[in-house]
N, C-alpha and C. Protein backbone atom coordinates (compact mmCIF):
# COMPACT_ATOMS: atom_id res chain seq x y z
N UNK A 1 17.77 -10.42 1.81
CA UNK A 1 17.06 -9.84 0.84
C UNK A 1 18.04 -8.98 -0.15
N UNK A 2 18.18 -9.07 -1.51
CA UNK A 2 18.89 -8.12 -2.12
C UNK A 2 18.31 -6.90 -2.38
N UNK A 3 18.97 -5.95 -2.90
CA UNK A 3 18.55 -4.70 -3.13
C UNK A 3 17.47 -4.59 -4.18
N UNK A 4 17.44 -5.57 -4.95
CA UNK A 4 16.20 -5.47 -6.06
C UNK A 4 14.93 -5.94 -5.33
N UNK A 5 15.25 -6.84 -4.65
CA UNK A 5 14.10 -7.29 -3.86
C UNK A 5 13.43 -6.20 -3.00
N UNK A 6 14.22 -5.50 -2.34
CA UNK A 6 13.91 -4.29 -1.39
C UNK A 6 13.24 -3.36 -2.27
N UNK A 7 13.70 -2.90 -3.26
CA UNK A 7 13.12 -1.96 -4.10
C UNK A 7 11.80 -2.42 -4.64
N UNK A 8 11.68 -3.69 -5.03
CA UNK A 8 10.30 -4.20 -5.64
C UNK A 8 9.20 -4.28 -4.39
N UNK A 9 9.61 -4.74 -3.17
CA UNK A 9 8.76 -4.89 -2.04
C UNK A 9 8.36 -3.29 -1.63
N UNK A 10 9.30 -2.28 -1.73
CA UNK A 10 8.97 -0.98 -1.40
C UNK A 10 8.06 -0.43 -2.58
N UNK A 11 8.31 -0.74 -3.72
CA UNK A 11 7.54 -0.10 -4.84
C UNK A 11 6.20 -0.57 -4.65
N UNK A 12 5.81 -1.70 -4.46
CA UNK A 12 4.52 -2.34 -4.49
C UNK A 12 3.75 -1.69 -3.35
N UNK A 13 4.72 -1.64 -2.05
CA UNK A 13 3.96 -0.92 -0.81
C UNK A 13 3.47 0.51 -1.24
N UNK A 14 4.44 1.21 -1.58
CA UNK A 14 4.12 2.57 -1.99
C UNK A 14 3.01 2.87 -2.97
N UNK A 15 3.18 1.87 -3.99
CA UNK A 15 1.99 2.10 -5.11
C UNK A 15 0.86 1.83 -4.47
N UNK A 16 0.64 0.94 -3.67
CA UNK A 16 -0.63 0.47 -3.20
C UNK A 16 -1.17 1.29 -1.98
N UNK A 17 -0.33 2.03 -1.72
CA UNK A 17 -0.59 3.18 -0.39
C UNK A 17 -1.36 4.30 -1.23
N UNK A 18 -0.71 4.50 -2.41
CA UNK A 18 -1.45 5.63 -3.24
C UNK A 18 -2.57 5.11 -4.13
N UNK A 19 -3.05 4.03 -3.93
CA UNK A 19 -3.99 3.42 -4.54
C UNK A 19 -3.83 3.21 -5.97
N UNK A 20 -2.78 3.13 -6.64
CA UNK A 20 -2.36 3.11 -7.98
C UNK A 20 -2.34 1.43 -8.56
N UNK A 21 -3.03 1.13 -9.61
CA UNK A 21 -2.53 -0.08 -10.06
C UNK A 21 -1.49 -0.04 -10.89
N UNK A 22 -0.80 -1.04 -11.22
CA UNK A 22 0.36 -1.11 -12.06
C UNK A 22 0.37 -0.29 -13.31
N UNK A 23 -0.89 -0.40 -13.95
CA UNK A 23 -1.22 0.24 -15.22
C UNK A 23 -1.06 1.74 -15.03
N UNK A 24 -1.79 2.12 -13.95
CA UNK A 24 -1.88 3.47 -13.56
C UNK A 24 -0.46 4.34 -13.33
N UNK A 25 0.28 3.49 -12.76
CA UNK A 25 1.59 4.24 -12.59
C UNK A 25 2.40 4.15 -13.77
N UNK A 26 2.28 3.03 -14.69
CA UNK A 26 2.95 3.06 -15.83
C UNK A 26 2.60 4.15 -16.93
N UNK A 27 1.09 4.59 -16.96
CA UNK A 27 0.81 5.64 -17.59
C UNK A 27 1.14 6.81 -17.30
N UNK A 28 1.34 7.10 -15.81
CA UNK A 28 1.82 8.29 -15.24
C UNK A 28 3.40 8.39 -15.71
N UNK A 29 4.06 7.34 -15.86
CA UNK A 29 5.48 7.30 -16.38
C UNK A 29 5.55 7.58 -17.71
N UNK A 30 4.30 7.61 -18.55
CA UNK A 30 4.29 7.33 -19.95
C UNK A 30 5.37 6.36 -20.67
N UNK A 31 4.94 5.05 -20.02
CA UNK A 31 5.66 3.87 -20.23
C UNK A 31 4.52 2.91 -20.78
N UNK A 32 5.08 1.71 -21.35
CA UNK A 32 4.15 0.64 -21.70
C UNK A 32 3.47 0.25 -20.44
N UNK A 33 2.11 -0.25 -20.70
CA UNK A 33 1.30 -0.74 -19.71
C UNK A 33 1.81 -1.81 -18.80
N UNK A 34 2.59 -2.56 -19.41
CA UNK A 34 3.22 -3.72 -18.77
C UNK A 34 4.57 -3.40 -17.94
N UNK A 35 5.05 -2.10 -17.94
CA UNK A 35 6.33 -1.66 -17.51
C UNK A 35 6.39 -2.11 -15.91
N UNK A 36 5.48 -1.45 -15.04
CA UNK A 36 5.38 -1.60 -13.85
C UNK A 36 5.50 -3.32 -13.43
N UNK A 37 4.52 -3.89 -14.11
CA UNK A 37 4.45 -5.44 -13.91
C UNK A 37 5.99 -6.18 -14.09
N UNK A 38 6.54 -5.63 -15.17
CA UNK A 38 7.82 -6.20 -15.43
C UNK A 38 8.82 -5.85 -14.29
N UNK A 39 8.77 -4.91 -13.76
CA UNK A 39 9.79 -4.53 -12.70
C UNK A 39 9.41 -5.26 -11.39
N UNK A 40 8.04 -5.25 -11.11
CA UNK A 40 7.59 -6.07 -9.85
C UNK A 40 7.89 -7.51 -10.03
N UNK A 41 8.03 -7.99 -11.16
CA UNK A 41 8.48 -9.46 -11.27
C UNK A 41 9.88 -9.81 -11.82
N UNK A 42 10.73 -8.90 -11.39
CA UNK A 42 12.02 -8.84 -11.59
C UNK A 42 12.66 -8.98 -13.07
N UNK A 43 11.70 -8.62 -13.88
CA UNK A 43 12.06 -8.90 -15.34
C UNK A 43 13.10 -7.67 -15.94
N UNK A 44 13.03 -6.53 -15.07
CA UNK A 44 13.37 -5.28 -15.57
C UNK A 44 13.73 -4.59 -14.48
N UNK A 45 14.57 -3.66 -14.53
CA UNK A 45 15.03 -2.67 -13.29
C UNK A 45 15.07 -1.24 -13.89
N UNK A 46 14.57 -0.26 -13.32
CA UNK A 46 14.30 1.06 -13.95
C UNK A 46 15.70 1.58 -13.79
N UNK A 47 16.05 2.84 -14.83
CA UNK A 47 17.07 3.52 -14.67
C UNK A 47 16.84 4.51 -13.32
N UNK A 48 18.02 5.18 -13.06
CA UNK A 48 17.89 5.98 -11.98
C UNK A 48 16.88 7.24 -12.30
N UNK A 49 16.86 7.66 -13.50
CA UNK A 49 15.72 8.83 -13.78
C UNK A 49 14.42 8.32 -13.41
N UNK A 50 14.10 7.27 -13.97
CA UNK A 50 12.87 6.64 -14.01
C UNK A 50 12.51 6.33 -12.35
N UNK A 51 13.56 5.92 -11.62
CA UNK A 51 13.29 5.86 -10.20
C UNK A 51 12.96 6.96 -9.44
N UNK A 52 13.61 8.09 -10.03
CA UNK A 52 13.09 9.52 -9.58
C UNK A 52 11.87 9.81 -9.79
N UNK A 53 11.53 9.50 -11.21
CA UNK A 53 10.06 9.80 -11.55
C UNK A 53 8.92 9.17 -10.72
N UNK A 54 9.34 7.75 -10.55
CA UNK A 54 8.30 6.91 -9.73
C UNK A 54 8.14 7.40 -8.11
N UNK A 55 9.40 7.77 -7.64
CA UNK A 55 9.34 8.45 -6.53
C UNK A 55 8.37 9.74 -6.29
N UNK A 56 8.78 10.68 -7.59
CA UNK A 56 7.90 11.84 -7.51
C UNK A 56 6.36 11.64 -7.44
N UNK A 57 5.99 10.70 -8.40
CA UNK A 57 4.57 10.24 -8.62
C UNK A 57 4.08 9.60 -7.17
N UNK A 58 4.81 8.83 -6.63
CA UNK A 58 4.37 8.29 -5.36
C UNK A 58 4.61 9.16 -4.08
N UNK A 59 5.04 10.55 -4.29
CA UNK A 59 5.33 11.41 -3.22
C UNK A 59 6.12 11.12 -2.20
N UNK A 60 7.39 10.27 -2.59
CA UNK A 60 8.15 9.83 -1.64
C UNK A 60 9.44 10.32 -1.98
N UNK A 61 10.63 10.11 -1.01
CA UNK A 61 12.09 10.32 -1.33
C UNK A 61 12.32 8.94 -1.97
N UNK A 62 13.24 9.22 -3.21
CA UNK A 62 13.76 7.94 -3.81
C UNK A 62 14.31 7.09 -3.15
N UNK A 63 15.10 7.41 -2.18
CA UNK A 63 15.70 6.37 -1.16
C UNK A 63 14.90 5.47 -0.25
N UNK A 64 13.59 6.10 -0.17
CA UNK A 64 12.73 5.10 0.43
C UNK A 64 12.36 3.85 -0.27
N UNK A 65 12.61 3.85 -1.50
CA UNK A 65 12.39 2.65 -2.32
C UNK A 65 13.34 1.61 -2.21
N UNK A 66 14.40 2.06 -1.62
CA UNK A 66 15.65 1.23 -1.20
C UNK A 66 15.88 0.86 0.27
N UNK A 67 14.85 1.40 1.08
CA UNK A 67 15.28 1.34 2.57
C UNK A 67 14.86 -0.19 3.09
N UNK A 68 15.98 -0.89 3.35
CA UNK A 68 15.84 -2.20 3.82
C UNK A 68 16.09 -2.39 5.33
N UNK A 69 16.52 -1.15 6.02
CA UNK A 69 16.51 -1.35 7.35
C UNK A 69 15.17 -1.43 8.13
N UNK A 70 14.23 -0.58 7.71
CA UNK A 70 12.89 -0.39 8.25
C UNK A 70 11.79 -0.85 7.24
N UNK A 71 11.11 -1.86 7.68
CA UNK A 71 10.18 -2.05 6.64
C UNK A 71 9.00 -0.90 6.35
N UNK A 72 8.46 -0.74 5.64
CA UNK A 72 7.41 0.28 5.38
C UNK A 72 6.30 0.38 6.42
N UNK A 73 5.84 1.33 6.86
CA UNK A 73 4.94 1.52 8.05
C UNK A 73 3.50 0.75 7.56
N UNK A 74 2.99 0.04 8.47
CA UNK A 74 1.68 -0.40 8.01
C UNK A 74 0.75 0.46 7.81
N UNK A 75 -0.20 -0.03 6.94
CA UNK A 75 -1.60 0.76 6.27
C UNK A 75 -2.13 1.01 7.61
N UNK A 76 -2.34 2.18 7.97
CA UNK A 76 -3.11 2.62 8.99
C UNK A 76 -4.56 2.67 8.77
N UNK A 77 -4.99 2.66 7.44
CA UNK A 77 -6.40 2.62 7.21
C UNK A 77 -6.92 1.15 7.35
N UNK A 78 -6.31 0.23 7.50
CA UNK A 78 -6.49 -1.22 7.68
C UNK A 78 -6.97 -1.32 9.39
N UNK A 79 -5.91 -0.79 9.85
CA UNK A 79 -5.98 -0.60 11.43
C UNK A 79 -7.30 -0.03 11.70
N UNK A 80 -7.52 1.22 11.14
CA UNK A 80 -8.85 1.87 11.59
C UNK A 80 -10.05 1.18 11.11
N UNK A 81 -9.92 0.48 10.02
CA UNK A 81 -11.10 -0.34 9.63
C UNK A 81 -11.38 -1.36 10.68
N UNK A 82 -10.41 -1.98 11.15
CA UNK A 82 -10.62 -3.26 12.11
C UNK A 82 -10.99 -2.40 13.47
N UNK A 83 -10.67 -1.43 13.74
CA UNK A 83 -11.06 -0.84 15.20
C UNK A 83 -12.55 -0.20 14.93
N UNK A 84 -12.75 0.32 13.83
CA UNK A 84 -14.30 0.80 13.59
C UNK A 84 -15.36 -0.33 13.78
N UNK A 85 -14.84 -1.62 12.94
CA UNK A 85 -15.72 -2.87 12.87
C UNK A 85 -15.93 -3.37 14.41
N UNK A 86 -14.77 -3.35 15.16
CA UNK A 86 -15.01 -3.73 16.46
C UNK A 86 -15.79 -2.92 17.35
N UNK A 87 -15.68 -1.68 16.98
CA UNK A 87 -16.59 -0.72 17.97
C UNK A 87 -18.04 -0.94 17.45
N UNK A 88 -18.34 -0.97 16.17
CA UNK A 88 -19.58 -1.31 15.65
C UNK A 88 -20.28 -2.60 16.31
N UNK A 89 -19.28 -3.50 16.35
CA UNK A 89 -19.73 -4.95 16.87
C UNK A 89 -20.15 -4.81 18.43
N UNK A 90 -19.28 -4.07 19.20
CA UNK A 90 -19.66 -3.84 20.42
C UNK A 90 -20.97 -3.10 20.71
N UNK A 91 -21.15 -1.89 19.82
CA UNK A 91 -22.45 -1.06 19.95
C UNK A 91 -23.63 -2.14 19.85
N UNK A 92 -23.60 -2.87 18.52
CA UNK A 92 -24.68 -3.55 18.29
C UNK A 92 -25.09 -4.62 19.42
N UNK A 93 -24.09 -5.25 19.92
CA UNK A 93 -23.87 -6.30 20.93
C UNK A 93 -24.72 -5.79 22.20
N UNK A 94 -24.15 -4.42 22.60
CA UNK A 94 -25.05 -3.77 23.57
C UNK A 94 -26.31 -3.43 23.32
N UNK A 95 -26.57 -2.97 22.23
CA UNK A 95 -28.01 -2.60 21.87
C UNK A 95 -28.96 -4.03 22.11
N UNK A 96 -28.46 -5.03 21.54
CA UNK A 96 -29.10 -6.34 21.54
C UNK A 96 -29.45 -6.99 23.03
N UNK A 97 -28.24 -6.61 23.77
CA UNK A 97 -28.44 -6.95 25.30
C UNK A 97 -29.56 -6.06 25.97
N UNK A 98 -29.40 -4.66 25.72
CA UNK A 98 -30.72 -3.79 26.26
C UNK A 98 -32.05 -4.29 25.78
N UNK A 99 -32.05 -4.68 24.61
CA UNK A 99 -33.48 -5.02 24.05
C UNK A 99 -33.75 -6.23 24.76
N UNK A 100 -32.89 -7.36 24.96
CA UNK A 100 -33.45 -8.50 25.65
C UNK A 100 -33.81 -8.17 27.13
N UNK A 101 -33.16 -7.19 27.95
CA UNK A 101 -33.47 -6.83 29.28
C UNK A 101 -34.85 -6.09 29.25
N UNK A 102 -35.14 -5.25 28.31
CA UNK A 102 -36.34 -4.58 28.42
C UNK A 102 -37.51 -5.73 28.18
N UNK A 103 -37.31 -6.75 27.30
CA UNK A 103 -38.27 -7.79 27.11
C UNK A 103 -38.51 -8.85 28.11
N UNK A 104 -37.54 -8.60 29.18
CA UNK A 104 -37.49 -9.56 30.18
C UNK A 104 -38.51 -8.99 31.26
């Protein structure tokens, strides 16, 4: 994976972590609405100054956008959602089981 690909992967990851659409980040940067799309599709690469602005908006160190040694940490909210779903399913099944026992 080359440096541009690493940057794009990390940009997408951190942008999504902040729940920003491409257009939202472009507006924050005072850029054309298609600006981030062009970056994420390898049509354009931002200047060092813009990379610093992007990192500031995403509340990360600019070097995190170039980190190829460690992939970004998984989105913990997805794990939490899966855990909560499993707990709810178990609770519902237990309740149904108790209801059937009472009917027997």
